[in-house]
């Protein structure tokens, strides 16, 4: 499995009503099992909160390496969800802090 990156990017996600929200990258990794890349994001407005809502997606790079655009895809498979949750849990300590 490819290790998570230290760099945090900011993403703009658009909800079903067309509202834009900023999300901060928590981590991204590639699974050896699926070969897919996954990314975990949390709302920018929760950056200094005690608890954050983490969103996870599979993704594909759509631009060239200089462009670095990615297309987020929903995770629809329970096995994939469990794998993403296991990876995320390996970086969360007993107090709920993420340690990358």
C-alpha atoms as a PDB file:
ATOM      1  CA  UNK A   1       0.000   0.000   0.000  1.00  0.00           C
ATOM      2  CA  UNK A   2       1.280   3.443  -0.883  1.00  0.00           C
ATOM      3  CA  UNK A   3       1.789   5.543   2.246  1.00  0.00           C
ATOM      4  CA  UNK A   4      -0.309   8.687   2.863  1.00  0.00           C
ATOM      5  CA  UNK A   5       1.118  12.028   1.738  1.00  0.00           C
ATOM      6  CA  UNK A   6       2.045  14.839   4.100  1.00  0.00           C
ATOM      7  CA  UNK A   7       0.767  17.530   1.709  1.00  0.00           C
ATOM      8  CA  UNK A   8      -2.757  18.808   2.313  1.00  0.00           C
ATOM      9  CA  UNK A   9      -4.698  20.182  -0.619  1.00  0.00           C
ATOM     10  CA  UNK A  10      -7.958  22.112  -0.542  1.00  0.00           C
ATOM     11  CA  UNK A  11     -10.826  20.918  -2.734  1.00  0.00           C
ATOM     12  CA  UNK A  12     -14.082  22.574  -3.708  1.00  0.00           C
ATOM     13  CA  UNK A  13     -16.960  20.100  -3.725  1.00  0.00           C
ATOM     14  CA  UNK A  14     -20.386  20.915  -5.118  1.00  0.00           C
ATOM     15  CA  UNK A  15     -23.412  19.350  -3.421  1.00  0.00           C
ATOM     16  CA  UNK A  16     -26.660  18.253  -5.054  1.00  0.00           C
ATOM     17  CA  UNK A  17     -28.050  21.793  -4.664  1.00  0.00           C
ATOM     18  CA  UNK A  18     -25.098  23.420  -6.439  1.00  0.00           C
ATOM     19  CA  UNK A  19     -23.589  24.803  -3.223  1.00  0.00           C
ATOM     20  CA  UNK A  20     -19.797  24.876  -3.104  1.00  0.00           C
ATOM     21  CA  UNK A  21     -17.960  23.779   0.033  1.00  0.00           C
ATOM     22  CA  UNK A  22     -14.237  23.720   0.751  1.00  0.00           C
ATOM     23  CA  UNK A  23     -12.707  20.458   1.949  1.00  0.00           C
ATOM     24  CA  UNK A  24      -9.197  19.796   3.200  1.00  0.00           C
ATOM     25  CA  UNK A  25      -7.316  16.645   2.305  1.00  0.00           C
ATOM     26  CA  UNK A  26      -6.618  14.459   5.306  1.00  0.00           C
ATOM     27  CA  UNK A  27      -4.842  11.674   3.431  1.00  0.00           C
ATOM     28  CA  UNK A  28      -4.673   9.787   0.159  1.00  0.00           C
ATOM     29  CA  UNK A  29      -3.365   6.310  -0.473  1.00  0.00           C
ATOM     30  CA  UNK A  30      -3.305   3.542  -3.047  1.00  0.00           C
ATOM     31  CA  UNK A  31      -4.574   0.092  -2.135  1.00  0.00           C
ATOM     32  CA  UNK A  32      -2.491  -2.924  -3.096  1.00  0.00           C
ATOM     33  CA  UNK A  33      -5.696  -4.997  -3.097  1.00  0.00           C
ATOM     34  CA  UNK A  34      -7.725  -2.914  -5.559  1.00  0.00           C
ATOM     35  CA  UNK A  35      -4.997  -0.885  -7.246  1.00  0.00           C
ATOM     36  CA  UNK A  36      -7.243   2.160  -6.783  1.00  0.00           C
ATOM     37  CA  UNK A  37      -6.395   5.470  -5.159  1.00  0.00           C
ATOM     38  CA  UNK A  38      -8.491   6.752  -2.256  1.00  0.00           C
ATOM     39  CA  UNK A  39      -8.719  10.152  -0.610  1.00  0.00           C
ATOM     40  CA  UNK A  40     -10.167  11.258   2.740  1.00  0.00           C
ATOM     41  CA  UNK A  41     -11.395  14.850   3.079  1.00  0.00           C
ATOM     42  CA  UNK A  42     -12.991  16.930   5.827  1.00  0.00           C
ATOM     43  CA  UNK A  43     -14.880  20.257   5.663  1.00  0.00           C
ATOM     44  CA  UNK A  44     -12.593  23.301   5.918  1.00  0.00           C
ATOM     45  CA  UNK A  45     -15.056  24.892   8.337  1.00  0.00           C
ATOM     46  CA  UNK A  46     -14.304  22.040  10.773  1.00  0.00           C
ATOM     47  CA  UNK A  47     -10.521  22.487  10.582  1.00  0.00           C
ATOM     48  CA  UNK A  48     -10.110  23.526  14.227  1.00  0.00           C
ATOM     49  CA  UNK A  49     -13.047  21.549  15.601  1.00  0.00           C
ATOM     50  CA  UNK A  50     -12.658  18.767  18.160  1.00  0.00           C
ATOM     51  CA  UNK A  51     -14.374  16.366  15.748  1.00  0.00           C
ATOM     52  CA  UNK A  52     -14.535  16.440  11.957  1.00  0.00           C
ATOM     53  CA  UNK A  53     -16.744  14.692   9.416  1.00  0.00           C
ATOM     54  CA  UNK A  54     -14.505  12.657   7.147  1.00  0.00           C
ATOM     55  CA  UNK A  55     -15.604  11.950   3.581  1.00  0.00           C
ATOM     56  CA  UNK A  56     -13.852   9.194   1.620  1.00  0.00           C
ATOM     57  CA  UNK A  57     -13.732   8.765  -2.146  1.00  0.00           C
ATOM     58  CA  UNK A  58     -11.987   6.684  -4.753  1.00  0.00           C
ATOM     59  CA  UNK A  59     -10.340   8.845  -7.402  1.00  0.00           C
ATOM     60  CA  UNK A  60      -8.636   8.875 -10.753  1.00  0.00           C
ATOM     61  CA  UNK A  61      -6.188  11.453 -12.037  1.00  0.00           C
ATOM     62  CA  UNK A  62      -7.818  13.174 -15.024  1.00  0.00           C
ATOM     63  CA  UNK A  63      -5.185  15.765 -15.950  1.00  0.00           C
ATOM     64  CA  UNK A  64      -1.491  15.446 -16.629  1.00  0.00           C
ATOM     65  CA  UNK A  65       0.932  15.412 -13.706  1.00  0.00           C
ATOM     66  CA  UNK A  66       1.403  19.196 -13.870  1.00  0.00           C
ATOM     67  CA  UNK A  67      -2.361  19.762 -13.831  1.00  0.00           C
ATOM     68  CA  UNK A  68      -2.954  17.289 -10.957  1.00  0.00           C
ATOM     69  CA  UNK A  69      -6.745  17.265 -11.456  1.00  0.00           C
ATOM     70  CA  UNK A  70      -8.573  14.324  -9.962  1.00  0.00           C
ATOM     71  CA  UNK A  71     -12.088  13.005 -10.403  1.00  0.00           C
ATOM     72  CA  UNK A  72     -13.717  11.876  -7.161  1.00  0.00           C
ATOM     73  CA  UNK A  73     -15.845   8.753  -7.325  1.00  0.00           C
ATOM     74  CA  UNK A  74     -18.185   7.389  -4.670  1.00  0.00           C
ATOM     75  CA  UNK A  75     -17.157   4.196  -2.907  1.00  0.00           C
ATOM     76  CA  UNK A  76     -20.079   1.858  -3.497  1.00  0.00           C
ATOM     77  CA  UNK A  77     -18.574  -1.466  -2.454  1.00  0.00           C
ATOM     78  CA  UNK A  78     -18.781  -2.552   1.216  1.00  0.00           C
ATOM     79  CA  UNK A  79     -15.421  -4.331   0.976  1.00  0.00           C
ATOM     80  CA  UNK A  80     -13.763  -1.125  -0.246  1.00  0.00           C
ATOM     81  CA  UNK A  81     -15.442   0.897   2.535  1.00  0.00           C
ATOM     82  CA  UNK A  82     -14.127  -1.517   5.148  1.00  0.00           C
ATOM     83  CA  UNK A  83     -10.605  -1.343   3.696  1.00  0.00           C
ATOM     84  CA  UNK A  84     -10.647   2.490   3.676  1.00  0.00           C
ATOM     85  CA  UNK A  85     -11.943   2.531   7.235  1.00  0.00           C
ATOM     86  CA  UNK A  86      -9.218   0.105   8.366  1.00  0.00           C
ATOM     87  CA  UNK A  87      -6.507   2.281   6.785  1.00  0.00           C
ATOM     88  CA  UNK A  88      -7.942   5.418   8.368  1.00  0.00           C
ATOM     89  CA  UNK A  89      -8.223   3.702  11.754  1.00  0.00           C
ATOM     90  CA  UNK A  90      -4.510   2.819  11.698  1.00  0.00           C
ATOM     91  CA  UNK A  91      -3.778   6.566  11.828  1.00  0.00           C
ATOM     92  CA  UNK A  92      -6.297   7.472  14.559  1.00  0.00           C
ATOM     93  CA  UNK A  93      -5.162   7.168  18.183  1.00  0.00           C
ATOM     94  CA  UNK A  94      -7.317   6.361  21.218  1.00  0.00           C
ATOM     95  CA  UNK A  95      -8.218  10.044  21.675  1.00  0.00           C
ATOM     96  CA  UNK A  96      -9.423  10.365  18.073  1.00  0.00           C
ATOM     97  CA  UNK A  97      -6.395  12.319  16.837  1.00  0.00           C
ATOM     98  CA  UNK A  98      -5.053  11.589  13.368  1.00  0.00           C
ATOM     99  CA  UNK A  99      -1.334  10.827  13.322  1.00  0.00           C
ATOM    100  CA  UNK A 100       0.058  10.747   9.796  1.00  0.00           C
END
